Amino acid sequence: MLILRGLNSHDSRPVALTIGNFDGVHLGHQALLNELRAAAQARGLQTAVIIFEPHPREFFTPQQAPARLTSLREKLEFFAALGIDRVQVCRFNAHFAQMGAADFINVLHEKLFAKFVLIGDDFRFGSGRTGDFALMEKIGAQLDFAVHAVRSVKHDGVRISSTEIRAALLAGQMREAQRYLGRHYSISGRVVHGDGLGRKIGYPTANIQLKHNRPPLSGIFVVQVHAEGLGVLQGVASLGVRPTVKHDANPVFEVHLFEFEQQIYGKHLRVEFLQKLRDEEKYPDVETLTRHIALDVEHAKKWFEQHD
């Protein structure tokens, strides 16, 4: 898969493309990308996806922007797995925000060689969000590229969306999030050095680097971990601000792996959240915290026994 920055391409082969944020790459996104691949194959085109970094809402209203479901790396990994040929990572900044809708459409044609564009019928773009499906279709006809609308995917009558998934994760409804995603929700990252508290109290943890300080969920979870060269491991994870040992801290993501003693600093892990055990709590001392961690480990192991 070719990854390019901005709205230029040195590959002049014509493409079928789609545009969006694709946060979570959920079942709705997957249906769209599968439709894009089918359209590209039927027309002898390459597939291309335009995504924005940062998310436009993070640029305009950073304090009100939603928590991210996926990092840029995670999105790219999902796109590659779904067979996308090219991803254009467009930096969303003040200059881009001022681009007119018609100018944006012309860029798709002149610089990205679009011959087929697949978007939602409610897709808005361009300065002031003045561009819509009708404008894309009109100018596309003038520039000789086709524009098609994709329908929303629903589950039990509910439109699958990143917003619905965030709500499910926040409420600890892991199975609901799984139904919308088509897989377990996961966070991936590199193992970095922590403060060593887990090892001191008998529960060493892999501290996984978070790309953003606002994860979409928090608490204590049963997890399974996909580790480079180590297969799939079982464990229990804590994602939160650790109120017993820290004050006003950024979230920390720690995973205690069962019956595991290898050195894994620097390795990239993907952690799948299977079940929420409880919310994060503040305890009077580290000894009380340790007792509750022991219970979390016991409950997580029992969960695996029951779901083997």
Protein backbone atom coordinates (compact mmCIF):
# COMPACT_ATOMS: atom_id res chain seq x y z
CA MET A 1 0.00 0.00 0.00
CA LEU A 2 1.33 3.40 -1.00
CA ILE A 3 1.11 6.14 1.64
CA LEU A 4 1.39 9.74 0.39
CA ARG A 5 1.26 13.05 2.22
CA GLY A 6 -0.99 15.82 0.95
CA LEU A 7 -3.11 15.99 -2.17
CA ASN A 8 -0.48 15.13 -4.75
CA SER A 9 0.54 11.85 -6.30
CA HIS A 10 3.49 10.83 -8.43
CA ASP A 11 1.45 7.80 -9.47
CA SER A 12 -0.61 8.93 -12.46
CA ARG A 13 -2.72 5.79 -12.69
CA PRO A 14 -6.44 6.69 -12.44
CA VAL A 15 -8.16 5.85 -9.17
CA ALA A 16 -11.47 5.14 -7.54
CA LEU A 17 -11.35 7.13 -4.34
CA THR A 18 -13.26 7.92 -1.19
CA ILE A 19 -12.83 10.60 1.43
CA GLY A 20 -13.33 10.67 5.18
CA ASN A 21 -11.91 10.39 8.68
CA PHE A 22 -12.55 6.64 9.05
CA ASP A 23 -12.13 6.75 12.82
CA GLY A 24 -12.44 3.17 14.05
CA VAL A 25 -12.66 1.69 10.53
CA HIS A 26 -15.95 0.12 11.65
CA LEU A 27 -18.37 -2.08 9.69
CA GLY A 28 -19.86 0.93 7.93
CA HIS A 29 -16.41 2.02 6.78
CA GLN A 30 -15.54 -1.54 5.80
CA ALA A 31 -18.68 -1.81 3.66
CA LEU A 32 -17.75 1.45 1.92
CA LEU A 33 -14.19 0.30 1.27
CA ASN A 34 -15.39 -3.05 -0.06
CA GLU A 35 -17.74 -1.21 -2.41
CA LEU A 36 -14.86 1.01 -3.48
CA ARG A 37 -12.70 -2.02 -4.28
CA ALA A 38 -15.51 -3.61 -6.29
CA ALA A 39 -16.04 -0.39 -8.27
CA ALA A 40 -12.31 -0.06 -8.89
CA GLN A 41 -12.00 -3.65 -10.08
CA ALA A 42 -14.96 -3.25 -12.42
CA ARG A 43 -13.38 -0.15 -13.96
CA GLY A 44 -9.74 -1.25 -13.95
CA LEU A 45 -8.74 1.43 -11.42
CA GLN A 46 -6.53 1.66 -8.36
CA THR A 47 -8.20 2.34 -4.98
CA ALA A 48 -7.37 5.48 -3.03
CA VAL A 49 -8.52 6.88 0.32
CA ILE A 50 -8.14 10.48 1.48
CA ILE A 51 -7.96 10.95 5.24
CA PHE A 52 -7.28 14.05 7.32
CA GLU A 53 -4.69 14.53 10.03
CA PRO A 54 -5.58 15.99 12.43
CA HIS A 55 -9.34 15.37 12.42
CA PRO A 56 -11.02 18.64 11.26
CA ARG A 57 -12.84 18.92 14.60
CA GLU A 58 -9.49 18.66 16.40
CA PHE A 59 -8.33 21.62 14.32
CA PHE A 60 -11.39 23.85 14.74
CA THR A 61 -12.48 22.96 18.30
CA PRO A 62 -9.73 20.88 19.95
CA GLN A 63 -11.34 20.93 23.42
CA GLN A 64 -14.65 19.64 22.05
CA ALA A 65 -13.29 17.11 19.56
CA PRO A 66 -14.31 13.49 20.21
CA ALA A 67 -11.86 10.95 21.58
CA ARG A 68 -10.11 9.05 18.84
CA LEU A 69 -10.91 5.40 18.30
CA THR A 70 -7.85 4.75 16.15
CA SER A 71 -4.43 6.33 15.68
CA LEU A 72 -3.10 7.12 12.22
CA ARG A 73 -0.94 3.99 12.27
CA GLU A 74 -3.91 1.81 13.21
CA LYS A 75 -6.01 3.25 10.38
CA LEU A 76 -3.25 2.59 7.88
CA GLU A 77 -2.90 -1.00 9.10
CA PHE A 78 -6.64 -1.57 8.65
CA PHE A 79 -6.59 -0.02 5.16
CA ALA A 80 -3.72 -2.30 4.15
CA ALA A 81 -5.58 -5.35 5.47
CA LEU A 82 -8.64 -4.33 3.44
CA GLY A 83 -6.62 -4.19 0.23
CA ILE A 84 -6.49 -0.42 -0.38
CA ASP A 85 -3.80 0.56 -2.91
CA ARG A 86 -3.11 4.17 -1.91
CA VAL A 87 -3.78 6.43 1.08
CA GLN A 88 -3.44 10.21 0.87
CA VAL A 89 -2.83 11.63 4.36
CA CYS A 90 -3.91 15.25 4.08
CA ARG A 91 -2.74 17.66 6.76
CA PHE A 92 -5.77 19.64 7.89
CA ASN A 93 -4.53 23.16 8.60
CA ALA A 94 -5.66 26.75 8.08
CA HIS A 95 -4.63 26.73 4.44
CA PHE A 96 -6.57 23.57 3.66
CA ALA A 97 -9.61 24.78 5.62
CA GLN A 98 -9.81 27.80 3.29
CA MET A 99 -9.88 25.73 0.10
CA GLY A 100 -13.10 26.23 -1.84
CA ALA A 101 -15.33 23.27 -2.62
CA ALA A 102 -14.87 23.56 -6.39
CA ASP A 103 -11.09 23.83 -5.98
CA PHE A 104 -11.07 20.66 -3.89
CA ILE A 105 -12.99 18.78 -6.57
CA ASN A 106 -10.54 19.98 -9.23
CA VAL A 107 -7.64 18.69 -7.12
CA LEU A 108 -9.22 15.24 -7.05
CA HIS A 109 -9.28 15.26 -10.84
CA GLU A 110 -6.02 17.03 -11.69
CA LYS A 111 -3.63 15.85 -8.97
CA LEU A 112 -5.07 12.53 -7.80
CA PHE A 113 -6.43 11.34 -11.18
CA ALA A 114 -9.87 10.43 -9.84
CA LYS A 115 -12.19 8.63 -12.27
CA PHE A 116 -14.67 7.41 -9.67
CA VAL A 117 -15.57 9.00 -6.31
CA LEU A 118 -17.58 7.22 -3.62
CA ILE A 119 -18.92 9.38 -0.75
CA GLY A 120 -21.84 9.55 1.63
CA ASP A 121 -24.85 11.46 0.38
CA ASP A 122 -24.45 13.75 3.43
CA PHE A 123 -20.74 14.41 2.85
CA ARG A 124 -19.79 18.12 3.16
CA PHE A 125 -16.47 19.68 2.17
CA GLY A 126 -14.71 22.89 1.24
CA SER A 127 -14.48 26.22 3.03
CA GLY A 128 -17.57 26.76 5.15
CA ARG A 129 -18.71 23.20 4.28
CA THR A 130 -20.32 24.60 1.14
CA GLY A 131 -19.61 21.53 -0.98
CA ASP A 132 -22.07 18.63 -1.04
CA PHE A 133 -22.89 15.52 -3.02
CA ALA A 134 -24.83 17.45 -5.65
CA LEU A 135 -21.88 19.77 -6.36
CA MET A 136 -19.43 16.86 -6.52
CA GLU A 137 -21.73 15.07 -8.95
CA LYS A 138 -22.20 18.17 -11.11
CA ILE A 139 -18.52 19.06 -11.44
CA GLY A 140 -17.58 15.38 -11.71
CA ALA A 141 -19.77 15.09 -14.81
CA GLN A 142 -17.98 18.10 -16.30
CA LEU A 143 -14.56 16.61 -15.55
CA ASP A 144 -15.55 13.11 -16.69
CA PHE A 145 -15.46 11.22 -13.41
CA ALA A 146 -18.35 9.35 -11.83
CA VAL A 147 -19.70 10.12 -8.36
CA HIS A 148 -21.71 7.59 -6.36
CA ALA A 149 -23.31 7.73 -2.93
CA VAL A 150 -22.88 5.01 -0.33
CA ARG A 151 -25.65 4.02 2.07
CA SER A 152 -25.26 3.86 5.83
CA VAL A 153 -24.85 0.41 7.40
CA LYS A 154 -27.24 -0.38 10.27
CA HIS A 155 -27.25 -2.93 13.08
CA ASP A 156 -30.62 -3.66 14.68
CA GLY A 157 -31.93 -0.44 13.17
CA VAL A 158 -29.06 1.69 14.52
CA ARG A 159 -26.76 3.43 12.05
CA ILE A 160 -23.21 2.23 12.70
CA SER A 161 -21.03 5.23 13.42
CA SER A 162 -17.92 6.22 15.32
CA THR A 163 -20.18 8.16 17.71
CA GLU A 164 -22.15 5.01 18.60
CA ILE A 165 -18.94 3.09 19.19
CA ARG A 166 -17.53 5.79 21.47
CA ALA A 167 -20.74 5.72 23.50
CA ALA A 168 -20.56 1.92 23.83
CA LEU A 169 -16.92 1.99 24.92
CA LEU A 170 -17.52 4.77 27.42
CA ALA A 171 -20.35 2.71 28.94
CA GLY A 172 -18.16 -0.40 29.10
CA GLN A 173 -20.35 -2.22 26.56
CA MET A 174 -17.55 -4.12 24.87
CA ARG A 175 -19.79 -6.58 23.01
CA GLU A 176 -21.87 -3.73 21.59
CA ALA A 177 -18.71 -2.01 20.34
CA GLN A 178 -17.56 -5.33 18.88
CA ARG A 179 -20.81 -5.68 16.92
CA TYR A 180 -20.31 -2.25 15.36
CA LEU A 181 -16.61 -2.76 14.65
CA GLY A 182 -16.79 -6.34 13.41
CA ARG A 183 -13.91 -7.14 15.79
CA HIS A 184 -12.82 -6.50 19.38
CA TYR A 185 -11.90 -2.89 20.06
CA SER A 186 -8.13 -2.58 20.35
CA ILE A 187 -5.38 -0.07 21.03
CA SER A 188 -1.89 -0.63 19.72
CA GLY A 189 1.36 0.97 20.73
CA ARG A 190 4.98 0.50 21.69
CA VAL A 191 6.04 -0.71 25.13
CA VAL A 192 7.84 2.09 26.98
CA HIS A 193 9.39 2.44 30.43
CA GLY A 194 7.03 3.32 33.29
CA ASP A 195 7.67 4.11 36.94
CA GLY A 196 8.11 0.46 37.91
CA LEU A 197 5.31 0.42 40.48
CA GLY A 198 3.72 -2.75 39.08
CA ARG A 199 6.94 -4.72 39.44
CA LYS A 200 7.45 -3.42 42.99
CA ILE A 201 4.03 -4.69 44.12
CA GLY A 202 4.30 -8.03 42.34
CA TYR A 203 2.30 -7.29 39.19
CA PRO A 204 4.72 -6.13 36.48
CA THR A 205 3.09 -4.37 33.56
CA ALA A 206 3.83 -3.50 29.97
CA ASN A 207 3.34 0.26 29.69
CA ILE A 208 1.97 1.01 26.25
CA GLN A 209 2.49 4.41 24.73
CA LEU A 210 -0.75 6.27 24.04
CA LYS A 211 -0.78 8.47 20.96
CA HIS A 212 -3.53 10.70 22.40
CA ASN A 213 -4.34 11.80 25.93
CA ARG A 214 -8.08 11.21 25.53
CA PRO A 215 -8.70 7.50 25.03
CA PRO A 216 -12.36 6.58 24.39
CA LEU A 217 -12.60 4.25 27.40
CA SER A 218 -11.19 3.83 30.89
CA GLY A 219 -11.17 1.28 33.67
CA ILE A 220 -9.91 -2.25 34.26
CA PHE A 221 -10.34 -4.80 31.46
CA VAL A 222 -9.83 -8.41 30.49
CA VAL A 223 -7.55 -8.28 27.43
CA GLN A 224 -5.73 -10.42 24.93
CA VAL A 225 -2.52 -9.11 23.48
CA HIS A 226 -1.00 -9.65 20.06
CA ALA A 227 2.76 -9.25 20.43
CA GLU A 228 5.47 -9.26 17.78
CA GLY A 229 6.95 -12.75 17.66
CA LEU A 230 5.11 -13.87 20.79
CA GLY A 231 1.67 -14.80 19.52
CA VAL A 232 -1.48 -14.07 21.53
CA LEU A 233 -1.16 -13.51 25.29
CA GLN A 234 -3.77 -13.14 28.01
CA GLY A 235 -3.86 -10.45 30.65
CA VAL A 236 -5.62 -7.70 32.52
CA ALA A 237 -5.23 -4.02 31.66
CA SER A 238 -5.67 -0.70 33.40
CA LEU A 239 -6.38 2.39 31.34
CA GLY A 240 -6.73 5.59 33.32
CA VAL A 241 -5.10 8.27 35.42
CA ARG A 242 -4.12 6.03 38.41
CA PRO A 243 -5.70 8.25 41.10
CA THR A 244 -4.21 6.22 43.99
CA VAL A 245 -0.62 7.05 42.99
CA LYS A 246 -0.92 10.19 40.84
CA HIS A 247 -2.73 13.53 40.98
CA ASP A 248 -4.06 15.28 37.88
CA ALA A 249 -2.07 12.98 35.55
CA ASN A 250 -2.49 12.02 31.93
CA PRO A 251 -3.98 8.59 31.18
CA VAL A 252 -1.63 5.60 31.39
CA PHE A 253 -2.17 2.26 29.67
CA GLU A 254 -0.71 -0.71 31.57
CA VAL A 255 -1.11 -4.43 30.81
CA HIS A 256 -0.24 -7.25 33.20
CA LEU A 257 0.39 -10.42 31.17
CA PHE A 258 -0.29 -13.76 32.83
CA GLU A 259 2.65 -16.15 33.34
CA PHE A 260 4.93 -13.93 31.30
CA GLU A 261 8.42 -12.74 32.27
CA GLN A 262 10.14 -11.81 29.00
CA GLN A 263 11.70 -8.44 28.24
CA ILE A 264 9.47 -6.61 25.74
CA TYR A 265 10.51 -2.94 25.91
CA GLY A 266 10.26 -1.41 22.46
CA LYS A 267 7.95 -4.09 21.08
CA HIS A 268 4.71 -3.07 19.38
CA LEU A 269 1.61 -4.61 20.97
CA ARG A 270 -2.04 -4.68 19.94
CA VAL A 271 -4.33 -4.99 22.94
CA GLU A 272 -7.89 -6.23 22.41
CA PHE A 273 -10.46 -5.32 25.07
CA LEU A 274 -12.67 -8.33 25.78
CA GLN A 275 -14.57 -7.42 28.95
CA LYS A 276 -14.71 -4.53 31.38
CA LEU A 277 -14.22 -5.60 34.99
CA ARG A 278 -14.74 -2.30 36.78
CA ASP A 279 -14.14 1.43 36.78
CA GLU A 280 -10.89 2.92 38.02
CA GLU A 281 -10.97 3.77 41.72
CA LYS A 282 -8.91 5.79 44.19
CA TYR A 283 -7.76 3.75 47.20
CA PRO A 284 -6.37 5.01 50.52
CA ASP A 285 -2.98 3.36 50.00
CA VAL A 286 -0.91 1.14 47.70
CA GLU A 287 -1.60 -1.94 49.82
CA THR A 288 -5.34 -1.62 49.17
CA LEU A 289 -4.65 -1.06 45.49
CA THR A 290 -2.54 -4.23 45.40
CA ARG A 291 -5.35 -6.32 46.91
CA HIS A 292 -7.77 -5.08 44.26
CA ILE A 293 -5.26 -5.81 41.49
CA ALA A 294 -5.05 -9.39 42.80
CA LEU A 295 -8.83 -9.65 42.55
CA ASP A 296 -8.76 -8.21 39.02
CA VAL A 297 -6.24 -10.84 37.96
CA GLU A 298 -8.34 -13.59 39.54
CA HIS A 299 -11.52 -12.37 37.83
CA ALA A 300 -9.79 -12.04 34.46
CA LYS A 301 -8.40 -15.57 34.65
CA LYS A 302 -11.85 -16.90 35.51
CA TRP A 303 -13.28 -15.02 32.51
CA PHE A 304 -10.81 -16.77 30.21
CA GLU A 305 -11.69 -20.16 31.75
CA GLN A 306 -15.37 -19.53 31.05
CA HIS A 307 -14.76 -18.31 27.49
CA ASP A 308 -12.16 -20.82 26.38
